[in-house]
Amino acid sequence: MPRRRWVSHATLRDSPLDAILSGTIMRAVSFLASTPLPLPLPVFLLFRLS
């Protein structure tokens, strides 16, 4: 219910600042969540080759 109320109020505003901020935060979180995944592979290869 609070989310529906927020969306209905967000559509009535003149400035889409909330949508811009939430989109930026979601992109940053998804980038930080996916970044650590490829990091262990090079570290493992370095130890494996030495």
C-alpha atoms as a PDB file:
ATOM      1  CA  MET A   1       0.000   0.000   0.000  1.00  0.00           C
ATOM      2  CA  PRO A   2       2.746   2.568   0.767  1.00  0.00           C
ATOM      3  CA  ARG A   3       4.406   1.777  -2.569  1.00  0.00           C
ATOM      4  CA  ARG A   4       1.180   2.389  -4.477  1.00  0.00           C
ATOM      5  CA  ARG A   5       0.713   5.667  -2.651  1.00  0.00           C
ATOM      6  CA  TRP A   6       4.319   6.695  -3.465  1.00  0.00           C
ATOM      7  CA  VAL A   7       3.841   5.861  -7.152  1.00  0.00           C
ATOM      8  CA  SER A   8       0.601   7.786  -7.346  1.00  0.00           C
ATOM      9  CA  HIS A   9       2.263  10.821  -5.728  1.00  0.00           C
ATOM     10  CA  ALA A  10       5.379  10.483  -7.883  1.00  0.00           C
ATOM     11  CA  THR A  11       3.337  10.668 -11.081  1.00  0.00           C
ATOM     12  CA  LEU A  12       1.748  13.928  -9.936  1.00  0.00           C
ATOM     13  CA  ARG A  13       5.048  15.722  -9.339  1.00  0.00           C
ATOM     14  CA  ASP A  14       6.589  18.062 -11.886  1.00  0.00           C
ATOM     15  CA  SER A  15      10.148  16.860 -11.368  1.00  0.00           C
ATOM     16  CA  PRO A  16      11.098  13.223 -12.060  1.00  0.00           C
ATOM     17  CA  LEU A  17      13.885  13.477  -9.476  1.00  0.00           C
ATOM     18  CA  ASP A  18      12.677  10.451  -7.491  1.00  0.00           C
ATOM     19  CA  ALA A  19      12.720   8.243 -10.575  1.00  0.00           C
ATOM     20  CA  ILE A  20      16.196   9.454 -11.529  1.00  0.00           C
ATOM     21  CA  LEU A  21      17.581   8.861  -8.032  1.00  0.00           C
ATOM     22  CA  SER A  22      16.018   5.424  -7.661  1.00  0.00           C
ATOM     23  CA  GLY A  23      17.303   4.394 -11.108  1.00  0.00           C
ATOM     24  CA  THR A  24      20.814   5.553 -10.238  1.00  0.00           C
ATOM     25  CA  ILE A  25      20.754   3.697  -6.932  1.00  0.00           C
ATOM     26  CA  MET A  26      19.492   0.495  -8.577  1.00  0.00           C
ATOM     27  CA  ARG A  27      22.246   0.642 -11.224  1.00  0.00           C
ATOM     28  CA  ALA A  28      24.923   1.226  -8.585  1.00  0.00           C
ATOM     29  CA  VAL A  29      23.702  -1.650  -6.446  1.00  0.00           C
ATOM     30  CA  SER A  30      23.535  -4.041  -9.393  1.00  0.00           C
ATOM     31  CA  PHE A  31      27.059  -3.035 -10.475  1.00  0.00           C
ATOM     32  CA  LEU A  32      28.458  -3.567  -6.991  1.00  0.00           C
ATOM     33  CA  ALA A  33      26.661  -6.898  -6.720  1.00  0.00           C
ATOM     34  CA  SER A  34      28.084  -8.204 -10.006  1.00  0.00           C
ATOM     35  CA  THR A  35      31.647  -6.845  -9.678  1.00  0.00           C
ATOM     36  CA  PRO A  36      33.014  -9.299  -7.082  1.00  0.00           C
ATOM     37  CA  LEU A  37      32.011 -12.331  -9.145  1.00  0.00           C
ATOM     38  CA  PRO A  38      34.873 -12.218 -11.712  1.00  0.00           C
ATOM     39  CA  LEU A  39      37.542 -11.209  -9.176  1.00  0.00           C
ATOM     40  CA  PRO A  40      38.282 -14.666  -7.645  1.00  0.00           C
ATOM     41  CA  LEU A  41      39.120 -16.194 -11.032  1.00  0.00           C
ATOM     42  CA  PRO A  42      42.316 -14.156 -11.723  1.00  0.00           C
ATOM     43  CA  VAL A  43      43.442 -14.628  -8.125  1.00  0.00           C
ATOM     44  CA  PHE A  44      42.939 -18.368  -8.440  1.00  0.00           C
ATOM     45  CA  LEU A  45      44.850 -18.404 -11.738  1.00  0.00           C
ATOM     46  CA  LEU A  46      47.750 -16.473 -10.205  1.00  0.00           C
ATOM     47  CA  PHE A  47      48.102 -19.017  -7.407  1.00  0.00           C
ATOM     48  CA  ARG A  48      47.632 -21.912  -9.809  1.00  0.00           C
ATOM     49  CA  LEU A  49      50.354 -20.743 -12.213  1.00  0.00           C
ATOM     50  CA  SER A  50      52.962 -19.900  -9.587  1.00  0.00           C
END
